[in-house]
Structures are given as structure tokens and as C-alpha cells.
Amino acid sequence: MSAVTKASGALKSVDYEVFGRVQGKDDLSYTEEEAKKLGLVGWVKNTSQGTVTGQVQGPEDKVNEMKSWLSKVGSPSSRIDRTNFSNEKEIPKLDFTGFTTRY
């Protein structure tokens, strides 16, 4: 276990889907920016159903901060109706090296 993992607790992974008026290039870039600011890895993308979906991984406390941001804050132009989280689990290592927007 690395010193980073020990210092910040368990590593977590969680999938998310955000519902509301959340689509657009700005919404995705704000999500990417927030994840990077928190030191998280994963991805985000628009879906054909009008939602935003993705996965985030990192230290448990930072993942929890991102979950709160995805549920309550979002980009300045978004209106979040609800956010669903799934597949939340502890992971032994990160599956990604950064946070990206997928198209």
C-alpha cells in the first residue's frame, strides 16, 4: 500500500448518473475540473437520454466530496434534479491515470 493510500484512507470507486438540465460542454468541463481539483480520476460523458454519467475513483473522503458536488452543485448553468450512485466499492488501486471527458 502506498503512502498516499495510507494517509488518505481507502480508495473508492463509484459510478454516477446526474438527471436534470445537465448536458453541455460546460457541464462536462466543470465536472472534469472539480474532479481534478479534488485529485480524483475517472471520466464523464453526456448520454443520449439527456443525463450525464461517469465514474470517479480516489480516496474515500474526496470521492464523498465529489458525490456531494454532483448532487448539489454542478456547473453554474445546470439544474440538478437527482443523482444516482451505483457500484460503490473499495478498490485496491486506481483504474485510471487522470480524469477525462468522453464523447
PDB file of N, CA and C in Angstrom:
ATOM      1  N   MET A   1       0.847  -1.177   0.000  1.00  0.00           N
ATOM      2  CA  MET A   1       0.000   0.000   0.000  1.00  0.00           C
ATOM      3  C   MET A   1       0.897   1.247   0.000  1.00  0.00           C
ATOM      4  N   SER A   2       0.599   2.177  -0.853  1.00  0.00           N
ATOM      5  CA  SER A   2       1.427   3.381  -0.959  1.00  0.00           C
ATOM      6  C   SER A   2       1.164   4.327   0.203  1.00  0.00           C
ATOM      7  N   ALA A   3       2.064   5.258   0.398  1.00  0.00           N
ATOM      8  CA  ALA A   3       1.908   6.249   1.462  1.00  0.00           C
ATOM      9  C   ALA A   3       0.670   7.104   1.231  1.00  0.00           C
ATOM     10  N   VAL A   4       0.376   7.398  -0.044  1.00  0.00           N
ATOM     11  CA  VAL A   4      -0.811   8.204  -0.372  1.00  0.00           C
ATOM     12  C   VAL A   4      -2.072   7.470   0.080  1.00  0.00           C
ATOM     13  N   THR A   5      -2.146   6.179  -0.216  1.00  0.00           N
ATOM     14  CA  THR A   5      -3.316   5.393   0.165  1.00  0.00           C
ATOM     15  C   THR A   5      -3.464   5.337   1.677  1.00  0.00           C
ATOM     16  N   LYS A   6      -2.366   5.117   2.378  1.00  0.00           N
ATOM     17  CA  LYS A   6      -2.402   5.048   3.849  1.00  0.00           C
ATOM     18  C   LYS A   6      -2.847   6.372   4.452  1.00  0.00           C
ATOM     19  N   ALA A   7      -2.315   7.462   3.935  1.00  0.00           N
ATOM     20  CA  ALA A   7      -2.599   8.777   4.504  1.00  0.00           C
ATOM     21  C   ALA A   7      -4.059   9.171   4.316  1.00  0.00           C
ATOM     22  N   SER A   8      -4.657   8.791   3.212  1.00  0.00           N
ATOM     23  CA  SER A   8      -5.991   9.282   2.915  1.00  0.00           C
ATOM     24  C   SER A   8      -7.074   8.219   3.090  1.00  0.00           C
ATOM     25  N   GLY A   9      -6.722   7.050   3.597  1.00  0.00           N
ATOM     26  CA  GLY A   9      -7.724   6.015   3.813  1.00  0.00           C
ATOM     27  C   GLY A   9      -7.939   5.172   2.568  1.00  0.00           C
ATOM     28  N   ALA A  10      -9.039   4.461   2.569  1.00  0.00           N
ATOM     29  CA  ALA A  10      -9.334   3.526   1.495  1.00  0.00           C
ATOM     30  C   ALA A  10      -9.603   4.237   0.174  1.00  0.00           C
ATOM     31  N   LEU A  11      -9.274   3.557  -0.910  1.00  0.00           N
ATOM     32  CA  LEU A  11      -9.628   4.040  -2.240  1.00  0.00           C
ATOM     33  C   LEU A  11     -11.025   3.547  -2.567  1.00  0.00           C
ATOM     34  N   LYS A  12     -11.818   4.436  -3.161  1.00  0.00           N
ATOM     35  CA  LYS A  12     -13.198   4.113  -3.527  1.00  0.00           C
ATOM     36  C   LYS A  12     -13.417   4.343  -5.006  1.00  0.00           C
ATOM     37  N   SER A  13     -14.374   3.618  -5.548  1.00  0.00           N
ATOM     38  CA  SER A  13     -14.839   3.813  -6.914  1.00  0.00           C
ATOM     39  C   SER A  13     -16.355   3.885  -6.870  1.00  0.00           C
ATOM     40  N   VAL A  14     -16.929   4.817  -7.643  1.00  0.00           N
ATOM     41  CA  VAL A  14     -18.389   4.913  -7.709  1.00  0.00           C
ATOM     42  C   VAL A  14     -18.800   5.391  -9.102  1.00  0.00           C
ATOM     43  N   ASP A  15     -19.876   4.800  -9.618  1.00  0.00           N
ATOM     44  CA  ASP A  15     -20.476   5.234 -10.874  1.00  0.00           C
ATOM     45  C   ASP A  15     -21.583   6.225 -10.532  1.00  0.00           C
ATOM     46  N   TYR A  16     -21.838   7.165 -11.439  1.00  0.00           N
ATOM     47  CA  TYR A  16     -22.878   8.160 -11.179  1.00  0.00           C
ATOM     48  C   TYR A  16     -23.633   8.496 -12.452  1.00  0.00           C
ATOM     49  N   GLU A  17     -24.874   8.962 -12.250  1.00  0.00           N
ATOM     50  CA  GLU A  17     -25.689   9.496 -13.339  1.00  0.00           C
ATOM     51  C   GLU A  17     -26.453  10.677 -12.776  1.00  0.00           C
ATOM     52  N   VAL A  18     -26.320  11.830 -13.448  1.00  0.00           N
ATOM     53  CA  VAL A  18     -26.941  13.062 -12.984  1.00  0.00           C
ATOM     54  C   VAL A  18     -28.115  13.399 -13.905  1.00  0.00           C
ATOM     55  N   PHE A  19     -29.275  13.666 -13.302  1.00  0.00           N
ATOM     56  CA  PHE A  19     -30.501  13.977 -14.028  1.00  0.00           C
ATOM     57  C   PHE A  19     -30.868  15.439 -13.818  1.00  0.00           C
ATOM     58  N   GLY A  20     -31.451  16.045 -14.836  1.00  0.00           N
ATOM     59  CA  GLY A  20     -31.872  17.440 -14.776  1.00  0.00           C
ATOM     60  C   GLY A  20     -31.444  18.139 -16.052  1.00  0.00           C
ATOM     61  N   ARG A  21     -31.211  19.449 -15.964  1.00  0.00           N
ATOM     62  CA  ARG A  21     -30.678  20.180 -17.119  1.00  0.00           C
ATOM     63  C   ARG A  21     -29.168  20.224 -16.903  1.00  0.00           C
ATOM     64  N   VAL A  22     -28.500  19.185 -17.384  1.00  0.00           N
ATOM     65  CA  VAL A  22     -27.095  18.989 -17.023  1.00  0.00           C
ATOM     66  C   VAL A  22     -26.182  18.771 -18.222  1.00  0.00           C
ATOM     67  N   GLN A  23     -26.742  18.738 -19.406  1.00  0.00           N
ATOM     68  CA  GLN A  23     -25.886  18.430 -20.547  1.00  0.00           C
ATOM     69  C   GLN A  23     -25.274  19.668 -21.161  1.00  0.00           C
ATOM     70  N   GLY A  24     -24.160  19.451 -21.788  1.00  0.00           N
ATOM     71  CA  GLY A  24     -23.468  20.517 -22.488  1.00  0.00           C
ATOM     72  C   GLY A  24     -21.992  20.457 -22.194  1.00  0.00           C
ATOM     73  N   LYS A  25     -21.236  21.052 -23.081  1.00  0.00           N
ATOM     74  CA  LYS A  25     -19.781  21.040 -22.955  1.00  0.00           C
ATOM     75  C   LYS A  25     -19.340  21.678 -21.631  1.00  0.00           C
ATOM     76  N   ASP A  26     -19.995  22.779 -21.239  1.00  0.00           N
ATOM     77  CA  ASP A  26     -19.626  23.449 -19.990  1.00  0.00           C
ATOM     78  C   ASP A  26     -19.849  22.555 -18.776  1.00  0.00           C
ATOM     79  N   ASP A  27     -20.989  21.845 -18.763  1.00  0.00           N
ATOM     80  CA  ASP A  27     -21.285  20.971 -17.636  1.00  0.00           C
ATOM     81  C   ASP A  27     -20.202  19.904 -17.487  1.00  0.00           C
ATOM     82  N   LEU A  28     -19.778  19.338 -18.605  1.00  0.00           N
ATOM     83  CA  LEU A  28     -18.745  18.307 -18.561  1.00  0.00           C
ATOM     84  C   LEU A  28     -17.411  18.882 -18.116  1.00  0.00           C
ATOM     85  N   SER A  29     -17.058  20.051 -18.624  1.00  0.00           N
ATOM     86  CA  SER A  29     -15.760  20.621 -18.267  1.00  0.00           C
ATOM     87  C   SER A  29     -15.721  21.026 -16.789  1.00  0.00           C
ATOM     88  N   TYR A  30     -16.855  21.496 -16.240  1.00  0.00           N
ATOM     89  CA  TYR A  30     -16.892  21.812 -14.809  1.00  0.00           C
ATOM     90  C   TYR A  30     -16.719  20.541 -13.976  1.00  0.00           C
ATOM     91  N   THR A  31     -17.339  19.454 -14.405  1.00  0.00           N
ATOM     92  CA  THR A  31     -17.204  18.179 -13.690  1.00  0.00           C
ATOM     93  C   THR A  31     -15.757  17.709 -13.724  1.00  0.00           C
ATOM     94  N   GLU A  32     -15.142  17.772 -14.902  1.00  0.00           N
ATOM     95  CA  GLU A  32     -13.742  17.369 -15.039  1.00  0.00           C
ATOM     96  C   GLU A  32     -12.845  18.245 -14.151  1.00  0.00           C
ATOM     97  N   GLU A  33     -13.092  19.554 -14.173  1.00  0.00           N
ATOM     98  CA  GLU A  33     -12.296  20.493 -13.376  1.00  0.00           C
ATOM     99  C   GLU A  33     -12.423  20.205 -11.874  1.00  0.00           C
ATOM    100  N   GLU A  34     -13.643  19.947 -11.420  1.00  0.00           N
ATOM    101  CA  GLU A  34     -13.867  19.672  -9.995  1.00  0.00           C
ATOM    102  C   GLU A  34     -13.163  18.373  -9.583  1.00  0.00           C
ATOM    103  N   ALA A  35     -13.270  17.347 -10.399  1.00  0.00           N
ATOM    104  CA  ALA A  35     -12.623  16.068 -10.084  1.00  0.00           C
ATOM    105  C   ALA A  35     -11.109  16.229  -9.998  1.00  0.00           C
ATOM    106  N   LYS A  36     -10.543  16.960 -10.954  1.00  0.00           N
ATOM    107  CA  LYS A  36      -9.090  17.179 -10.955  1.00  0.00           C
ATOM    108  C   LYS A  36      -8.663  17.996  -9.737  1.00  0.00           C
ATOM    109  N   LYS A  37      -9.475  18.985  -9.362  1.00  0.00           N
ATOM    110  CA  LYS A  37      -9.175  19.813  -8.192  1.00  0.00           C
ATOM    111  C   LYS A  37      -9.108  18.946  -6.929  1.00  0.00           C
ATOM    112  N   LEU A  38      -9.978  17.932  -6.869  1.00  0.00           N
ATOM    113  CA  LEU A  38     -10.012  17.033  -5.715  1.00  0.00           C
ATOM    114  C   LEU A  38      -8.974  15.911  -5.821  1.00  0.00           C
ATOM    115  N   GLY A  39      -8.275  15.823  -6.958  1.00  0.00           N
ATOM    116  CA  GLY A  39      -7.269  14.783  -7.134  1.00  0.00           C
ATOM    117  C   GLY A  39      -7.859  13.427  -7.479  1.00  0.00           C
ATOM    118  N   LEU A  40      -9.039  13.427  -8.093  1.00  0.00           N
ATOM    119  CA  LEU A  40      -9.718  12.183  -8.441  1.00  0.00           C
ATOM    120  C   LEU A  40      -9.444  11.798  -9.892  1.00  0.00           C
ATOM    121  N   VAL A  41      -9.681  10.530 -10.201  1.00  0.00           N
ATOM    122  CA  VAL A  41      -9.547  10.029 -11.563  1.00  0.00           C
ATOM    123  C   VAL A  41     -10.881   9.436 -12.000  1.00  0.00           C
ATOM    124  N   GLY A  42     -11.039   9.264 -13.319  1.00  0.00           N
ATOM    125  CA  GLY A  42     -12.261   8.680 -13.856  1.00  0.00           C
ATOM    126  C   GLY A  42     -12.654   9.347 -15.151  1.00  0.00           C
ATOM    127  N   TRP A  43     -13.967   9.454 -15.384  1.00  0.00           N
ATOM    128  CA  TRP A  43     -14.452  10.018 -16.639  1.00  0.00           C
ATOM    129  C   TRP A  43     -15.882  10.536 -16.476  1.00  0.00           C
ATOM    130  N   VAL A  44     -16.310  11.333 -17.480  1.00  0.00           N
ATOM    131  CA  VAL A  44     -17.666  11.880 -17.527  1.00  0.00           C
ATOM    132  C   VAL A  44     -18.090  11.963 -18.990  1.00  0.00           C
ATOM    133  N   LYS A  45     -19.388  11.781 -19.265  1.00  0.00           N
ATOM    134  CA  LYS A  45     -19.896  11.974 -20.626  1.00  0.00           C
ATOM    135  C   LYS A  45     -21.396  12.222 -20.611  1.00  0.00           C
ATOM    136  N   ASN A  46     -21.866  12.857 -21.695  1.00  0.00           N
ATOM    137  CA  ASN A  46     -23.298  13.037 -21.912  1.00  0.00           C
ATOM    138  C   ASN A  46     -23.884  11.725 -22.415  1.00  0.00           C
ATOM    139  N   THR A  47     -25.149  11.458 -22.073  1.00  0.00           N
ATOM    140  CA  THR A  47     -25.829  10.285 -22.610  1.00  0.00           C
ATOM    141  C   THR A  47     -26.914  10.737 -23.586  1.00  0.00           C
ATOM    142  N   SER A  48     -27.384   9.811 -24.388  1.00  0.00           N
ATOM    143  CA  SER A  48     -28.456  10.132 -25.344  1.00  0.00           C
ATOM    144  C   SER A  48     -29.792  10.356 -24.631  1.00  0.00           C
ATOM    145  N   GLN A  49     -29.888  10.007 -23.348  1.00  0.00           N
ATOM    146  CA  GLN A  49     -31.117  10.209 -22.565  1.00  0.00           C
ATOM    147  C   GLN A  49     -31.167  11.584 -21.908  1.00  0.00           C
ATOM    148  N   GLY A  50     -30.149  12.421 -22.146  1.00  0.00           N
ATOM    149  CA  GLY A  50     -30.148  13.767 -21.576  1.00  0.00           C
ATOM    150  C   GLY A  50     -29.546  13.847 -20.183  1.00  0.00           C
ATOM    151  N   THR A  51     -28.857  12.791 -19.766  1.00  0.00           N
ATOM    152  CA  THR A  51     -28.199  12.793 -18.462  1.00  0.00           C
ATOM    153  C   THR A  51     -26.687  12.875 -18.650  1.00  0.00           C
ATOM    154  N   VAL A  52     -25.996  13.000 -17.539  1.00  0.00           N
ATOM    155  CA  VAL A  52     -24.534  12.940 -17.544  1.00  0.00           C
ATOM    156  C   VAL A  52     -24.152  11.730 -16.705  1.00  0.00           C
ATOM    157  N   THR A  53     -23.244  10.911 -17.210  1.00  0.00           N
ATOM    158  CA  THR A  53     -22.834   9.706 -16.500  1.00  0.00           C
ATOM    159  C   THR A  53     -21.321   9.629 -16.430  1.00  0.00           C
ATOM    160  N   GLY A  54     -20.839   8.831 -15.494  1.00  0.00           N
ATOM    161  CA  GLY A  54     -19.396   8.671 -15.389  1.00  0.00           C
ATOM    162  C   GLY A  54     -19.001   7.808 -14.222  1.00  0.00           C
ATOM    163  N   GLN A  55     -17.706   7.815 -13.967  1.00  0.00           N
ATOM    164  CA  GLN A  55     -17.146   7.067 -12.846  1.00  0.00           C
ATOM    165  C   GLN A  55     -16.065   7.923 -12.206  1.00  0.00           C
ATOM    166  N   VAL A  56     -15.977   7.854 -10.888  1.00  0.00           N
ATOM    167  CA  VAL A  56     -14.952   8.602 -10.173  1.00  0.00           C
ATOM    168  C   VAL A  56     -14.265   7.657  -9.188  1.00  0.00           C
ATOM    169  N   GLN A  57     -12.936   7.824  -9.063  1.00  0.00           N
ATOM    170  CA  GLN A  57     -12.154   6.991  -8.163  1.00  0.00           C
ATOM    171  C   GLN A  57     -11.138   7.843  -7.411  1.00  0.00           C
ATOM    172  N   GLY A  58     -10.856   7.435  -6.184  1.00  0.00           N
ATOM    173  CA  GLY A  58      -9.848   8.126  -5.394  1.00  0.00           C
ATOM    174  C   GLY A  58     -10.051   7.854  -3.920  1.00  0.00           C
ATOM    175  N   PRO A  59      -9.383   8.636  -3.068  1.00  0.00           N
ATOM    176  CA  PRO A  59      -9.552   8.480  -1.624  1.00  0.00           C
ATOM    177  C   PRO A  59     -11.012   8.677  -1.231  1.00  0.00           C
ATOM    178  N   GLU A  60     -11.476   7.888  -0.284  1.00  0.00           N
ATOM    179  CA  GLU A  60     -12.884   7.884   0.099  1.00  0.00           C
ATOM    180  C   GLU A  60     -13.415   9.279   0.437  1.00  0.00           C
ATOM    181  N   ASP A  61     -12.656  10.080   1.197  1.00  0.00           N
ATOM    182  CA  ASP A  61     -13.150  11.406   1.578  1.00  0.00           C
ATOM    183  C   ASP A  61     -13.322  12.311   0.364  1.00  0.00           C
ATOM    184  N   LYS A  62     -12.426  12.211  -0.607  1.00  0.00           N
ATOM    185  CA  LYS A  62     -12.515  13.039  -1.820  1.00  0.00           C
ATOM    186  C   LYS A  62     -13.650  12.560  -2.719  1.00  0.00           C
ATOM    187  N   VAL A  63     -13.846  11.254  -2.801  1.00  0.00           N
ATOM    188  CA  VAL A  63     -14.977  10.705  -3.576  1.00  0.00           C
ATOM    189  C   VAL A  63     -16.284  11.205  -2.956  1.00  0.00           C
ATOM    190  N   ASN A  64     -16.364  11.225  -1.636  1.00  0.00           N
ATOM    191  CA  ASN A  64     -17.573  11.722  -0.968  1.00  0.00           C
ATOM    192  C   ASN A  64     -17.806  13.205  -1.255  1.00  0.00           C
ATOM    193  N   GLU A  65     -16.723  13.991  -1.302  1.00  0.00           N
ATOM    194  CA  GLU A  65     -16.854  15.412  -1.662  1.00  0.00           C
ATOM    195  C   GLU A  65     -17.404  15.552  -3.084  1.00  0.00           C
ATOM    196  N   MET A  66     -16.901  14.721  -3.991  1.00  0.00           N
ATOM    197  CA  MET A  66     -17.355  14.779  -5.390  1.00  0.00           C
ATOM    198  C   MET A  66     -18.816  14.343  -5.493  1.00  0.00           C
ATOM    199  N   LYS A  67     -19.213  13.345  -4.723  1.00  0.00           N
ATOM    200  CA  LYS A  67     -20.616  12.909  -4.734  1.00  0.00           C
ATOM    201  C   LYS A  67     -21.525  14.061  -4.305  1.00  0.00           C
ATOM    202  N   SER A  68     -21.110  14.793  -3.292  1.00  0.00           N
ATOM    203  CA  SER A  68     -21.896  15.938  -2.828  1.00  0.00           C
ATOM    204  C   SER A  68     -21.968  16.998  -3.915  1.00  0.00           C
ATOM    205  N   TRP A  69     -20.846  17.283  -4.568  1.00  0.00           N
ATOM    206  CA  TRP A  69     -20.799  18.278  -5.647  1.00  0.00           C
ATOM    207  C   TRP A  69     -21.717  17.859  -6.793  1.00  0.00           C
ATOM    208  N   LEU A  70     -21.672  16.575  -7.165  1.00  0.00           N
ATOM    209  CA  LEU A  70     -22.512  16.067  -8.263  1.00  0.00           C
ATOM    210  C   LEU A  70     -23.996  16.131  -7.906  1.00  0.00           C
ATOM    211  N   SER A  71     -24.312  16.023  -6.634  1.00  0.00           N
ATOM    212  CA  SER A  71     -25.711  16.015  -6.183  1.00  0.00           C
ATOM    213  C   SER A  71     -26.281  17.406  -5.976  1.00  0.00           C
ATOM    214  N   LYS A  72     -25.421  18.354  -5.550  1.00  0.00           N
ATOM    215  CA  LYS A  72     -25.944  19.646  -5.093  1.00  0.00           C
ATOM    216  C   LYS A  72     -25.440  20.869  -5.844  1.00  0.00           C
ATOM    217  N   VAL A  73     -24.261  20.783  -6.443  1.00  0.00           N
ATOM    218  CA  VAL A  73     -23.639  21.987  -7.005  1.00  0.00           C
ATOM    219  C   VAL A  73     -23.670  21.966  -8.528  1.00  0.00           C
ATOM    220  N   GLY A  74     -22.845  21.133  -9.142  1.00  0.00           N
ATOM    221  CA  GLY A  74     -22.775  21.063 -10.600  1.00  0.00           C
ATOM    222  C   GLY A  74     -22.236  22.343 -11.211  1.00  0.00           C
ATOM    223  N   SER A  75     -22.387  22.467 -12.511  1.00  0.00           N
ATOM    224  CA  SER A  75     -21.909  23.667 -13.202  1.00  0.00           C
ATOM    225  C   SER A  75     -22.888  24.820 -12.944  1.00  0.00           C
ATOM    226  N   PRO A  76     -22.426  26.063 -13.140  1.00  0.00           N
ATOM    227  CA  PRO A  76     -23.313  27.215 -12.891  1.00  0.00           C
ATOM    228  C   PRO A  76     -24.602  27.189 -13.719  1.00  0.00           C
ATOM    229  N   SER A  77     -24.557  26.593 -14.907  1.00  0.00           N
ATOM    230  CA  SER A  77     -25.745  26.602 -15.776  1.00  0.00           C
ATOM    231  C   SER A  77     -26.633  25.368 -15.588  1.00  0.00           C
ATOM    232  N   SER A  78     -26.238  24.443 -14.716  1.00  0.00           N
ATOM    233  CA  SER A  78     -27.009  23.205 -14.573  1.00  0.00           C
ATOM    234  C   SER A  78     -28.144  23.356 -13.560  1.00  0.00           C
ATOM    235  N   ARG A  79     -29.114  22.463 -13.682  1.00  0.00           N
ATOM    236  CA  ARG A  79     -30.172  22.312 -12.692  1.00  0.00           C
ATOM    237  C   ARG A  79     -30.234  20.816 -12.389  1.00  0.00           C
ATOM    238  N   ILE A  80     -29.796  20.437 -11.215  1.00  0.00           N
ATOM    239  CA  ILE A  80     -29.724  19.021 -10.861  1.00  0.00           C
ATOM    240  C   ILE A  80     -31.040  18.605 -10.215  1.00  0.00           C
ATOM    241  N   ASP A  81     -31.716  17.629 -10.824  1.00  0.00           N
ATOM    242  CA  ASP A  81     -32.947  17.094 -10.247  1.00  0.00           C
ATOM    243  C   ASP A  81     -32.623  15.971  -9.262  1.00  0.00           C
ATOM    244  N   ARG A  82     -31.760  15.070  -9.685  1.00  0.00           N
ATOM    245  CA  ARG A  82     -31.315  13.994  -8.792  1.00  0.00           C
ATOM    246  C   ARG A  82     -30.041  13.377  -9.347  1.00  0.00           C
ATOM    247  N   THR A  83     -29.312  12.690  -8.483  1.00  0.00           N
ATOM    248  CA  THR A  83     -28.102  11.988  -8.880  1.00  0.00           C
ATOM    249  C   THR A  83     -28.172  10.579  -8.319  1.00  0.00           C
ATOM    250  N   ASN A  84     -27.968   9.597  -9.190  1.00  0.00           N
ATOM    251  CA  ASN A  84     -27.943   8.199  -8.762  1.00  0.00           C
ATOM    252  C   ASN A  84     -26.498   7.725  -8.696  1.00  0.00           C
ATOM    253  N   PHE A  85     -26.149   7.043  -7.622  1.00  0.00           N
ATOM    254  CA  PHE A  85     -24.826   6.453  -7.470  1.00  0.00           C
ATOM    255  C   PHE A  85     -24.984   4.940  -7.429  1.00  0.00           C
ATOM    256  N   SER A  86     -24.060   4.237  -8.063  1.00  0.00           N
ATOM    257  CA  SER A  86     -24.121   2.773  -8.079  1.00  0.00           C
ATOM    258  C   SER A  86     -22.712   2.193  -8.093  1.00  0.00           C
ATOM    259  N   ASN A  87     -22.647   0.902  -7.839  1.00  0.00           N
ATOM    260  CA  ASN A  87     -21.373   0.167  -7.856  1.00  0.00           C
ATOM    261  C   ASN A  87     -20.313   0.802  -6.965  1.00  0.00           C
ATOM    262  N   GLU A  88     -20.725   1.375  -5.836  1.00  0.00           N
ATOM    263  CA  GLU A  88     -19.744   1.988  -4.936  1.00  0.00           C
ATOM    264  C   GLU A  88     -19.003   0.872  -4.212  1.00  0.00           C
ATOM    265  N   LYS A  89     -17.681   0.920  -4.300  1.00  0.00           N
ATOM    266  CA  LYS A  89     -16.891  -0.146  -3.681  1.00  0.00           C
ATOM    267  C   LYS A  89     -15.480   0.329  -3.374  1.00  0.00           C
ATOM    268  N   GLU A  90     -14.851  -0.377  -2.450  1.00  0.00           N
ATOM    269  CA  GLU A  90     -13.448  -0.146  -2.137  1.00  0.00           C
ATOM    270  C   GLU A  90     -12.630  -0.843  -3.228  1.00  0.00           C
ATOM    271  N   ILE A  91     -11.572  -0.191  -3.663  1.00  0.00           N
ATOM    272  CA  ILE A  91     -10.728  -0.769  -4.706  1.00  0.00           C
ATOM    273  C   ILE A  91      -9.272  -0.807  -4.235  1.00  0.00           C
ATOM    274  N   PRO A  92      -8.499  -1.790  -4.722  1.00  0.00           N
ATOM    275  CA  PRO A  92      -7.096  -1.891  -4.295  1.00  0.00           C
ATOM    276  C   PRO A  92      -6.186  -0.868  -4.966  1.00  0.00           C
ATOM    277  N   LYS A  93      -6.581  -0.440  -6.187  1.00  0.00           N
ATOM    278  CA  LYS A  93      -5.774   0.543  -6.914  1.00  0.00           C
ATOM    279  C   LYS A  93      -6.663   1.277  -7.898  1.00  0.00           C
ATOM    280  N   LEU A  94      -6.195   2.431  -8.369  1.00  0.00           N
ATOM    281  CA  LEU A  94      -6.957   3.231  -9.332  1.00  0.00           C
ATOM    282  C   LEU A  94      -6.901   2.586 -10.713  1.00  0.00           C
ATOM    283  N   ASP A  95      -8.020   2.635 -11.432  1.00  0.00           N
ATOM    284  CA  ASP A  95      -8.087   2.084 -12.798  1.00  0.00           C
ATOM    285  C   ASP A  95      -7.733   3.112 -13.858  1.00  0.00           C
ATOM    286  N   PHE A  96      -7.620   4.384 -13.491  1.00  0.00           N
ATOM    287  CA  PHE A  96      -7.360   5.463 -14.438  1.00  0.00           C
ATOM    288  C   PHE A  96      -6.165   6.280 -13.961  1.00  0.00           C
ATOM    289  N   THR A  97      -5.547   7.009 -14.890  1.00  0.00           N
ATOM    290  CA  THR A  97      -4.410   7.853 -14.521  1.00  0.00           C
ATOM    291  C   THR A  97      -4.794   9.321 -14.431  1.00  0.00           C
ATOM    292  N   GLY A  98      -5.991   9.665 -14.876  1.00  0.00           N
ATOM    293  CA  GLY A  98      -6.452  11.041 -14.844  1.00  0.00           C
ATOM    294  C   GLY A  98      -7.956  11.073 -14.953  1.00  0.00           C
ATOM    295  N   PHE A  99      -8.515  12.267 -15.153  1.00  0.00           N
ATOM    296  CA  PHE A  99      -9.960  12.410 -15.324  1.00  0.00           C
ATOM    297  C   PHE A  99     -10.210  12.986 -16.711  1.00  0.00           C
ATOM    298  N   THR A 100     -11.050  12.315 -17.497  1.00  0.00           N
ATOM    299  CA  THR A 100     -11.269  12.726 -18.887  1.00  0.00           C
ATOM    300  C   THR A 100     -12.755  12.868 -19.194  1.00  0.00           C
ATOM    301  N   THR A 101     -13.019  13.657 -20.231  1.00  0.00           N
ATOM    302  CA  THR A 101     -14.353  13.769 -20.794  1.00  0.00           C
ATOM    303  C   THR A 101     -14.407  12.840 -21.988  1.00  0.00           C
ATOM    304  N   ARG A 102     -15.433  11.996 -22.025  1.00  0.00           N
ATOM    305  CA  ARG A 102     -15.618  11.044 -23.131  1.00  0.00           C
ATOM    306  C   ARG A 102     -16.710  11.559 -24.061  1.00  0.00           C
ATOM    307  N   TYR A 103     -16.534  11.266 -25.350  1.00  0.00           N
ATOM    308  CA  TYR A 103     -17.515  11.695 -26.345  1.00  0.00           C
ATOM    309  C   TYR A 103     -18.049  10.523 -27.114  1.00  0.00           C
TER     310      TYR A 103
END
